[in-house]
Amino acid sequence: MPLPSATNLSFRSDAVDKFTGIIAAIAERGWAVVDDFLPGEWVAELREEQQRQSLRGDFHCAATGRLDTLRQDAETRGDRILWLERHNAGPAQRQYLELLEELRLAVNHELFLGLFGQETHAAVYPPGRGYRRHLDGFRKGNLRTLTGILYLNPRWRKEDGGALRMFLDDAPGGDCLEVLPEAGRFVVFLSERFEHEVATTQRLRWSVTSWFSRRSAA
């Protein structure tokens, strides 16, 4: 059921209060990890909406590559996704999309990144699947600037696998940040700067991933 309007306003206010720390971390090092970005009730409703959508068959196998070279390869990328728009999103998802818009405006106001739009998909990785090391912002022809990932998985343990590994240094053996996909955890990073991967998961792994893009100069 949708979140009560008064509760939703309180939840959104709590999340907006975290924007300052997120923006400061992006400015300093290019990434941020925030626990309890959303309260448990909101996260649970997001997860339940995705589960219902998945049961209806709304999700499809994700592809890799640019628009003219898209291909499906479960060994490279094993998640199933649903692109979220207002017309197909559930109530909690629509509220989350509105919150992302507030984040976009706040980042633009403080960091002048020129973020013009955002695209978001719900995702689920079945057991035995992951996503090999990749970069969200290609070197050419891609305007994705900022990536944000919200995790929806309660009581996640290290042995469940499925960690996000973000490579902070391009050098072999460089620093790697490992983030477990625990419910309510929000990760944000510069899309063109940090390669990352999803380790093979041992249980269903739910998330919502967003990309904030610049306007084309053309």
C-alpha atoms as a PDB file:
ATOM      1  CA  MET A   1       0.000   0.000   0.000  1.00  0.00           C
ATOM      2  CA  PRO A   2       1.274   3.557  -0.625  1.00  0.00           C
ATOM      3  CA  LEU A   3       3.011   5.426   2.134  1.00  0.00           C
ATOM      4  CA  PRO A   4       0.736   7.877   3.995  1.00  0.00           C
ATOM      5  CA  SER A   5       1.286  11.410   2.720  1.00  0.00           C
ATOM      6  CA  ALA A   6       2.315  12.817   6.110  1.00  0.00           C
ATOM      7  CA  THR A   7       4.751   9.942   6.631  1.00  0.00           C
ATOM      8  CA  ASN A   8       6.117  10.400   3.124  1.00  0.00           C
ATOM      9  CA  LEU A   9       6.841  14.086   3.751  1.00  0.00           C
ATOM     10  CA  SER A  10       8.735  13.188   6.923  1.00  0.00           C
ATOM     11  CA  PHE A  11      10.672  10.433   5.139  1.00  0.00           C
ATOM     12  CA  ARG A  12      11.602  12.739   2.245  1.00  0.00           C
ATOM     13  CA  SER A  13      12.721  15.445   4.655  1.00  0.00           C
ATOM     14  CA  ASP A  14      15.009  12.961   6.415  1.00  0.00           C
ATOM     15  CA  ALA A  15      16.537  11.895   3.084  1.00  0.00           C
ATOM     16  CA  VAL A  16      16.993  15.479   1.877  1.00  0.00           C
ATOM     17  CA  ASP A  17      18.885  16.216   5.099  1.00  0.00           C
ATOM     18  CA  LYS A  18      21.510  13.708   3.923  1.00  0.00           C
ATOM     19  CA  PHE A  19      22.119  15.543   0.630  1.00  0.00           C
ATOM     20  CA  THR A  20      24.708  17.888   2.162  1.00  0.00           C
ATOM     21  CA  GLY A  21      26.979  15.028   3.212  1.00  0.00           C
ATOM     22  CA  ILE A  22      26.546  13.267  -0.121  1.00  0.00           C
ATOM     23  CA  ILE A  23      27.440  16.380  -2.105  1.00  0.00           C
ATOM     24  CA  ALA A  24      30.467  17.103   0.087  1.00  0.00           C
ATOM     25  CA  ALA A  25      31.768  13.555  -0.422  1.00  0.00           C
ATOM     26  CA  ILE A  26      31.285  13.746  -4.198  1.00  0.00           C
ATOM     27  CA  ALA A  27      33.199  17.028  -4.279  1.00  0.00           C
ATOM     28  CA  GLU A  28      36.026  15.616  -2.142  1.00  0.00           C
ATOM     29  CA  ARG A  29      36.543  12.110  -3.554  1.00  0.00           C
ATOM     30  CA  GLY A  30      33.917  11.446  -6.218  1.00  0.00           C
ATOM     31  CA  TRP A  31      31.785   8.933  -4.301  1.00  0.00           C
ATOM     32  CA  ALA A  32      29.650   8.463  -1.190  1.00  0.00           C
ATOM     33  CA  VAL A  33      28.071   5.572   0.721  1.00  0.00           C
ATOM     34  CA  VAL A  34      25.116   6.396   2.981  1.00  0.00           C
ATOM     35  CA  ASP A  35      23.408   3.886   5.261  1.00  0.00           C
ATOM     36  CA  ASP A  36      19.710   4.317   6.086  1.00  0.00           C
ATOM     37  CA  PHE A  37      19.260   6.768   3.226  1.00  0.00           C
ATOM     38  CA  LEU A  38      15.577   5.851   3.323  1.00  0.00           C
ATOM     39  CA  PRO A  39      13.690   4.488   6.344  1.00  0.00           C
ATOM     40  CA  GLY A  40      12.850   0.814   6.548  1.00  0.00           C
ATOM     41  CA  GLU A  41       9.151   1.241   5.701  1.00  0.00           C
ATOM     42  CA  TRP A  42       9.909   2.980   2.415  1.00  0.00           C
ATOM     43  CA  VAL A  43      12.605   0.467   1.484  1.00  0.00           C
ATOM     44  CA  ALA A  44      10.255  -2.443   2.240  1.00  0.00           C
ATOM     45  CA  GLU A  45       7.536  -0.951   0.041  1.00  0.00           C
ATOM     46  CA  LEU A  46      10.015  -0.442  -2.811  1.00  0.00           C
ATOM     47  CA  ARG A  47      11.125  -4.057  -2.513  1.00  0.00           C
ATOM     48  CA  GLU A  48       7.533  -5.345  -2.449  1.00  0.00           C
ATOM     49  CA  GLU A  49       6.645  -3.283  -5.529  1.00  0.00           C
ATOM     50  CA  GLN A  50       9.595  -4.759  -7.416  1.00  0.00           C
ATOM     51  CA  GLN A  51       8.689  -8.273  -6.339  1.00  0.00           C
ATOM     52  CA  ARG A  52       5.125  -7.821  -7.597  1.00  0.00           C
ATOM     53  CA  GLN A  53       6.388  -6.380 -10.895  1.00  0.00           C
ATOM     54  CA  SER A  54       8.774  -9.302 -11.284  1.00  0.00           C
ATOM     55  CA  LEU A  55       6.011 -11.840 -10.641  1.00  0.00           C
ATOM     56  CA  ARG A  56       3.900 -10.126 -13.335  1.00  0.00           C
ATOM     57  CA  GLY A  57       6.712 -10.622 -15.831  1.00  0.00           C
ATOM     58  CA  ASP A  58       7.520  -6.911 -16.159  1.00  0.00           C
ATOM     59  CA  PHE A  59      11.297  -7.431 -15.859  1.00  0.00           C
ATOM     60  CA  HIS A  60      13.507  -8.398 -18.801  1.00  0.00           C
ATOM     61  CA  CYS A  61      17.108  -9.516 -19.222  1.00  0.00           C
ATOM     62  CA  ALA A  62      19.522  -6.586 -19.216  1.00  0.00           C
ATOM     63  CA  ALA A  63      21.857  -5.887 -22.123  1.00  0.00           C
ATOM     64  CA  THR A  64      25.329  -4.375 -22.405  1.00  0.00           C
ATOM     65  CA  GLY A  65      26.943  -2.052 -24.940  1.00  0.00           C
ATOM     66  CA  ARG A  66      25.920   1.127 -26.730  1.00  0.00           C
ATOM     67  CA  LEU A  67      22.558   1.554 -28.441  1.00  0.00           C
ATOM     68  CA  ASP A  68      23.881   0.324 -31.789  1.00  0.00           C
ATOM     69  CA  THR A  69      25.692  -2.696 -30.304  1.00  0.00           C
ATOM     70  CA  LEU A  70      23.401  -3.880 -27.505  1.00  0.00           C
ATOM     71  CA  ARG A  71      23.658  -7.564 -26.674  1.00  0.00           C
ATOM     72  CA  GLN A  72      22.525  -9.901 -23.924  1.00  0.00           C
ATOM     73  CA  ASP A  73      25.158 -12.043 -22.227  1.00  0.00           C
ATOM     74  CA  ALA A  74      24.244 -13.427 -18.810  1.00  0.00           C
ATOM     75  CA  GLU A  75      27.876 -14.344 -18.134  1.00  0.00           C
ATOM     76  CA  THR A  76      28.820 -10.670 -18.413  1.00  0.00           C
ATOM     77  CA  ARG A  77      25.678  -9.176 -16.906  1.00  0.00           C
ATOM     78  CA  GLY A  78      23.089 -11.359 -15.227  1.00  0.00           C
ATOM     79  CA  ASP A  79      20.438  -9.009 -13.851  1.00  0.00           C
ATOM     80  CA  ARG A  80      16.835  -8.552 -14.924  1.00  0.00           C
ATOM     81  CA  ILE A  81      15.574  -4.969 -15.066  1.00  0.00           C
ATOM     82  CA  LEU A  82      12.522  -2.745 -15.400  1.00  0.00           C
ATOM     83  CA  TRP A  83      12.939   0.855 -16.558  1.00  0.00           C
ATOM     84  CA  LEU A  84      10.844   3.047 -14.275  1.00  0.00           C
ATOM     85  CA  GLU A  85       8.639   5.872 -15.510  1.00  0.00           C
ATOM     86  CA  ARG A  86       5.715   7.518 -13.779  1.00  0.00           C
ATOM     87  CA  HIS A  87       3.227   5.467 -15.810  1.00  0.00           C
ATOM     88  CA  ASN A  88       4.602   2.065 -14.726  1.00  0.00           C
ATOM     89  CA  ALA A  89       6.070   2.857 -11.302  1.00  0.00           C
ATOM     90  CA  GLY A  90       4.351   1.951  -8.060  1.00  0.00           C
ATOM     91  CA  PRO A  91       3.505   4.624  -5.452  1.00  0.00           C
ATOM     92  CA  ALA A  92       6.730   4.196  -3.463  1.00  0.00           C
ATOM     93  CA  GLN A  93       8.756   4.145  -6.684  1.00  0.00           C
ATOM     94  CA  ARG A  94       7.152   7.379  -7.892  1.00  0.00           C
ATOM     95  CA  GLN A  95       7.982   9.019  -4.573  1.00  0.00           C
ATOM     96  CA  TYR A  96      11.566   7.814  -4.916  1.00  0.00           C
ATOM     97  CA  LEU A  97      11.810   9.244  -8.444  1.00  0.00           C
ATOM     98  CA  GLU A  98      10.652  12.589  -7.042  1.00  0.00           C
ATOM     99  CA  LEU A  99      13.351  12.398  -4.367  1.00  0.00           C
ATOM    100  CA  LEU A 100      15.981  11.728  -7.041  1.00  0.00           C
ATOM    101  CA  GLU A 101      14.868  14.864  -8.847  1.00  0.00           C
ATOM    102  CA  GLU A 102      15.447  16.837  -5.649  1.00  0.00           C
ATOM    103  CA  LEU A 103      18.923  15.300  -5.396  1.00  0.00           C
ATOM    104  CA  ARG A 104      19.677  16.265  -9.017  1.00  0.00           C
ATOM    105  CA  LEU A 105      18.736  19.879  -8.343  1.00  0.00           C
ATOM    106  CA  ALA A 106      20.778  19.975  -5.129  1.00  0.00           C
ATOM    107  CA  VAL A 107      23.885  18.550  -6.829  1.00  0.00           C
ATOM    108  CA  ASN A 108      23.571  21.040  -9.673  1.00  0.00           C
ATOM    109  CA  HIS A 109      23.184  23.922  -7.236  1.00  0.00           C
ATOM    110  CA  GLU A 110      26.347  23.026  -5.311  1.00  0.00           C
ATOM    111  CA  LEU A 111      28.624  21.334  -7.855  1.00  0.00           C
ATOM    112  CA  PHE A 112      27.491  22.843 -11.182  1.00  0.00           C
ATOM    113  CA  LEU A 113      27.593  19.460 -12.944  1.00  0.00           C
ATOM    114  CA  GLY A 114      24.887  20.444 -15.414  1.00  0.00           C
ATOM    115  CA  LEU A 115      22.803  17.345 -14.734  1.00  0.00           C
ATOM    116  CA  PHE A 116      19.826  17.631 -17.040  1.00  0.00           C
ATOM    117  CA  GLY A 117      17.912  14.380 -16.651  1.00  0.00           C
ATOM    118  CA  GLN A 118      17.894  11.013 -14.962  1.00  0.00           C
ATOM    119  CA  GLU A 119      17.023   7.451 -15.910  1.00  0.00           C
ATOM    120  CA  THR A 120      16.224   4.746 -13.388  1.00  0.00           C
ATOM    121  CA  HIS A 121      15.657   1.019 -13.437  1.00  0.00           C
ATOM    122  CA  ALA A 122      14.666  -1.544 -10.862  1.00  0.00           C
ATOM    123  CA  ALA A 123      16.945  -4.592 -10.911  1.00  0.00           C
ATOM    124  CA  VAL A 124      17.140  -8.101  -9.532  1.00  0.00           C
ATOM    125  CA  TYR A 125      20.084 -10.495  -9.758  1.00  0.00           C
ATOM    126  CA  PRO A 126      19.150 -14.192  -9.478  1.00  0.00           C
ATOM    127  CA  PRO A 127      21.488 -16.470  -7.504  1.00  0.00           C
ATOM    128  CA  GLY A 128      24.618 -17.305  -9.473  1.00  0.00           C
ATOM    129  CA  ARG A 129      24.664 -14.039 -11.429  1.00  0.00           C
ATOM    130  CA  GLY A 130      26.719 -10.847 -11.286  1.00  0.00           C
ATOM    131  CA  TYR A 131      28.066  -8.069 -13.513  1.00  0.00           C
ATOM    132  CA  ARG A 132      31.661  -7.972 -14.719  1.00  0.00           C
ATOM    133  CA  ARG A 133      33.868  -4.918 -14.269  1.00  0.00           C
ATOM    134  CA  HIS A 134      32.643  -1.983 -16.329  1.00  0.00           C
ATOM    135  CA  LEU A 135      32.291   1.784 -16.519  1.00  0.00           C
ATOM    136  CA  ASP A 136      28.884   3.489 -16.582  1.00  0.00           C
ATOM    137  CA  GLY A 137      30.108   6.535 -18.487  1.00  0.00           C
ATOM    138  CA  PHE A 138      31.865   5.513 -21.697  1.00  0.00           C
ATOM    139  CA  ARG A 139      34.817   7.586 -22.818  1.00  0.00           C
ATOM    140  CA  LYS A 140      32.901   8.827 -25.862  1.00  0.00           C
ATOM    141  CA  GLY A 141      29.247   9.310 -26.700  1.00  0.00           C
ATOM    142  CA  ASN A 142      27.833   8.811 -23.216  1.00  0.00           C
ATOM    143  CA  LEU A 143      26.492  11.638 -21.087  1.00  0.00           C
ATOM    144  CA  ARG A 144      25.958   9.693 -17.854  1.00  0.00           C
ATOM    145  CA  THR A 145      27.689  11.708 -15.162  1.00  0.00           C
ATOM    146  CA  LEU A 146      26.510  10.485 -11.767  1.00  0.00           C
ATOM    147  CA  THR A 147      25.392   6.986 -10.732  1.00  0.00           C
ATOM    148  CA  GLY A 148      23.183   6.311  -7.715  1.00  0.00           C
ATOM    149  CA  ILE A 149      22.249   2.858  -6.385  1.00  0.00           C
ATOM    150  CA  LEU A 150      19.757   2.109  -3.625  1.00  0.00           C
ATOM    151  CA  TYR A 151      19.782  -1.398  -2.141  1.00  0.00           C
ATOM    152  CA  LEU A 152      16.649  -3.149  -0.886  1.00  0.00           C
ATOM    153  CA  ASN A 153      17.918  -6.378   0.707  1.00  0.00           C
ATOM    154  CA  PRO A 154      17.338  -6.945   4.439  1.00  0.00           C
ATOM    155  CA  ARG A 155      19.782  -8.905   6.607  1.00  0.00           C
ATOM    156  CA  TRP A 156      22.421  -9.259   3.902  1.00  0.00           C
ATOM    157  CA  ARG A 157      25.540 -11.182   4.948  1.00  0.00           C
ATOM    158  CA  LYS A 158      29.014 -11.218   3.440  1.00  0.00           C
ATOM    159  CA  GLU A 159      28.618 -14.898   2.530  1.00  0.00           C
ATOM    160  CA  ASP A 160      25.565 -13.968   0.427  1.00  0.00           C
ATOM    161  CA  GLY A 161      27.973 -12.474  -2.122  1.00  0.00           C
ATOM    162  CA  GLY A 162      26.608  -9.810  -4.459  1.00  0.00           C
ATOM    163  CA  ALA A 163      28.866  -7.026  -3.193  1.00  0.00           C
ATOM    164  CA  LEU A 164      29.450  -3.912  -5.266  1.00  0.00           C
ATOM    165  CA  ARG A 165      33.188  -3.609  -5.879  1.00  0.00           C
ATOM    166  CA  MET A 166      34.228  -0.113  -6.883  1.00  0.00           C
ATOM    167  CA  PHE A 167      37.781   0.341  -8.124  1.00  0.00           C
ATOM    168  CA  LEU A 168      39.164   3.571  -6.733  1.00  0.00           C
ATOM    169  CA  ASP A 169      42.496   3.259  -8.551  1.00  0.00           C
ATOM    170  CA  ASP A 170      43.051   2.161 -12.166  1.00  0.00           C
ATOM    171  CA  ALA A 171      46.413   0.602 -11.321  1.00  0.00           C
ATOM    172  CA  PRO A 172      46.580  -3.207 -10.974  1.00  0.00           C
ATOM    173  CA  GLY A 173      46.075  -4.093  -7.336  1.00  0.00           C
ATOM    174  CA  GLY A 174      44.768  -0.597  -6.597  1.00  0.00           C
ATOM    175  CA  ASP A 175      42.307   0.264  -3.865  1.00  0.00           C
ATOM    176  CA  CYS A 176      38.889  -1.373  -4.115  1.00  0.00           C
ATOM    177  CA  LEU A 177      35.820  -0.399  -2.108  1.00  0.00           C
ATOM    178  CA  GLU A 178      33.497  -3.336  -1.371  1.00  0.00           C
ATOM    179  CA  VAL A 179      29.898  -2.491  -0.463  1.00  0.00           C
ATOM    180  CA  LEU A 180      27.323  -5.052   0.645  1.00  0.00           C
ATOM    181  CA  PRO A 181      23.841  -4.426  -0.845  1.00  0.00           C
ATOM    182  CA  GLU A 182      22.114  -3.960   2.517  1.00  0.00           C
ATOM    183  CA  ALA A 183      18.599  -2.520   2.628  1.00  0.00           C
ATOM    184  CA  GLY A 184      18.542   1.287   2.787  1.00  0.00           C
ATOM    185  CA  ARG A 185      22.166   1.718   1.711  1.00  0.00           C
ATOM    186  CA  PHE A 186      22.710   4.319  -1.027  1.00  0.00           C
ATOM    187  CA  VAL A 187      25.875   4.504  -3.133  1.00  0.00           C
ATOM    188  CA  VAL A 188      26.605   7.401  -5.463  1.00  0.00           C
ATOM    189  CA  PHE A 189      29.681   7.985  -7.628  1.00  0.00           C
ATOM    190  CA  LEU A 190      30.957   9.761 -10.735  1.00  0.00           C
ATOM    191  CA  SER A 191      29.970   7.547 -13.657  1.00  0.00           C
ATOM    192  CA  GLU A 192      32.958   8.329 -15.887  1.00  0.00           C
ATOM    193  CA  ARG A 193      35.561   7.881 -13.176  1.00  0.00           C
ATOM    194  CA  PHE A 194      35.005   4.609 -11.303  1.00  0.00           C
ATOM    195  CA  GLU A 195      34.939   1.152 -12.804  1.00  0.00           C
ATOM    196  CA  HIS A 196      32.918  -1.297 -10.741  1.00  0.00           C
ATOM    197  CA  GLU A 197      31.449  -4.792 -10.721  1.00  0.00           C
ATOM    198  CA  VAL A 198      28.807  -6.856  -8.956  1.00  0.00           C
ATOM    199  CA  ALA A 199      30.174 -10.028  -7.379  1.00  0.00           C
ATOM    200  CA  THR A 200      28.233 -13.232  -7.977  1.00  0.00           C
ATOM    201  CA  THR A 201      25.257 -13.304  -5.645  1.00  0.00           C
ATOM    202  CA  GLN A 202      24.042 -16.321  -3.710  1.00  0.00           C
ATOM    203  CA  ARG A 203      20.489 -15.026  -3.155  1.00  0.00           C
ATOM    204  CA  LEU A 204      18.028 -12.721  -4.895  1.00  0.00           C
ATOM    205  CA  ARG A 205      19.530  -9.237  -4.898  1.00  0.00           C
ATOM    206  CA  TRP A 206      17.175  -6.238  -5.342  1.00  0.00           C
ATOM    207  CA  SER A 207      18.224  -2.667  -6.133  1.00  0.00           C
ATOM    208  CA  VAL A 208      17.225   0.568  -7.855  1.00  0.00           C
ATOM    209  CA  THR A 209      19.898   2.149 -10.048  1.00  0.00           C
ATOM    210  CA  SER A 210      19.804   5.697 -11.436  1.00  0.00           C
ATOM    211  CA  TRP A 211      21.988   7.714 -13.772  1.00  0.00           C
ATOM    212  CA  PHE A 212      22.027  11.492 -13.933  1.00  0.00           C
ATOM    213  CA  SER A 213      23.123  12.809 -17.322  1.00  0.00           C
ATOM    214  CA  ARG A 214      24.380  16.007 -18.898  1.00  0.00           C
ATOM    215  CA  ARG A 215      22.680  17.618 -21.863  1.00  0.00           C
ATOM    216  CA  SER A 216      24.271  16.866 -25.227  1.00  0.00           C
ATOM    217  CA  ALA A 217      26.357  19.719 -26.617  1.00  0.00           C
ATOM    218  CA  ALA A 218      25.045  18.977 -30.112  1.00  0.00           C
END
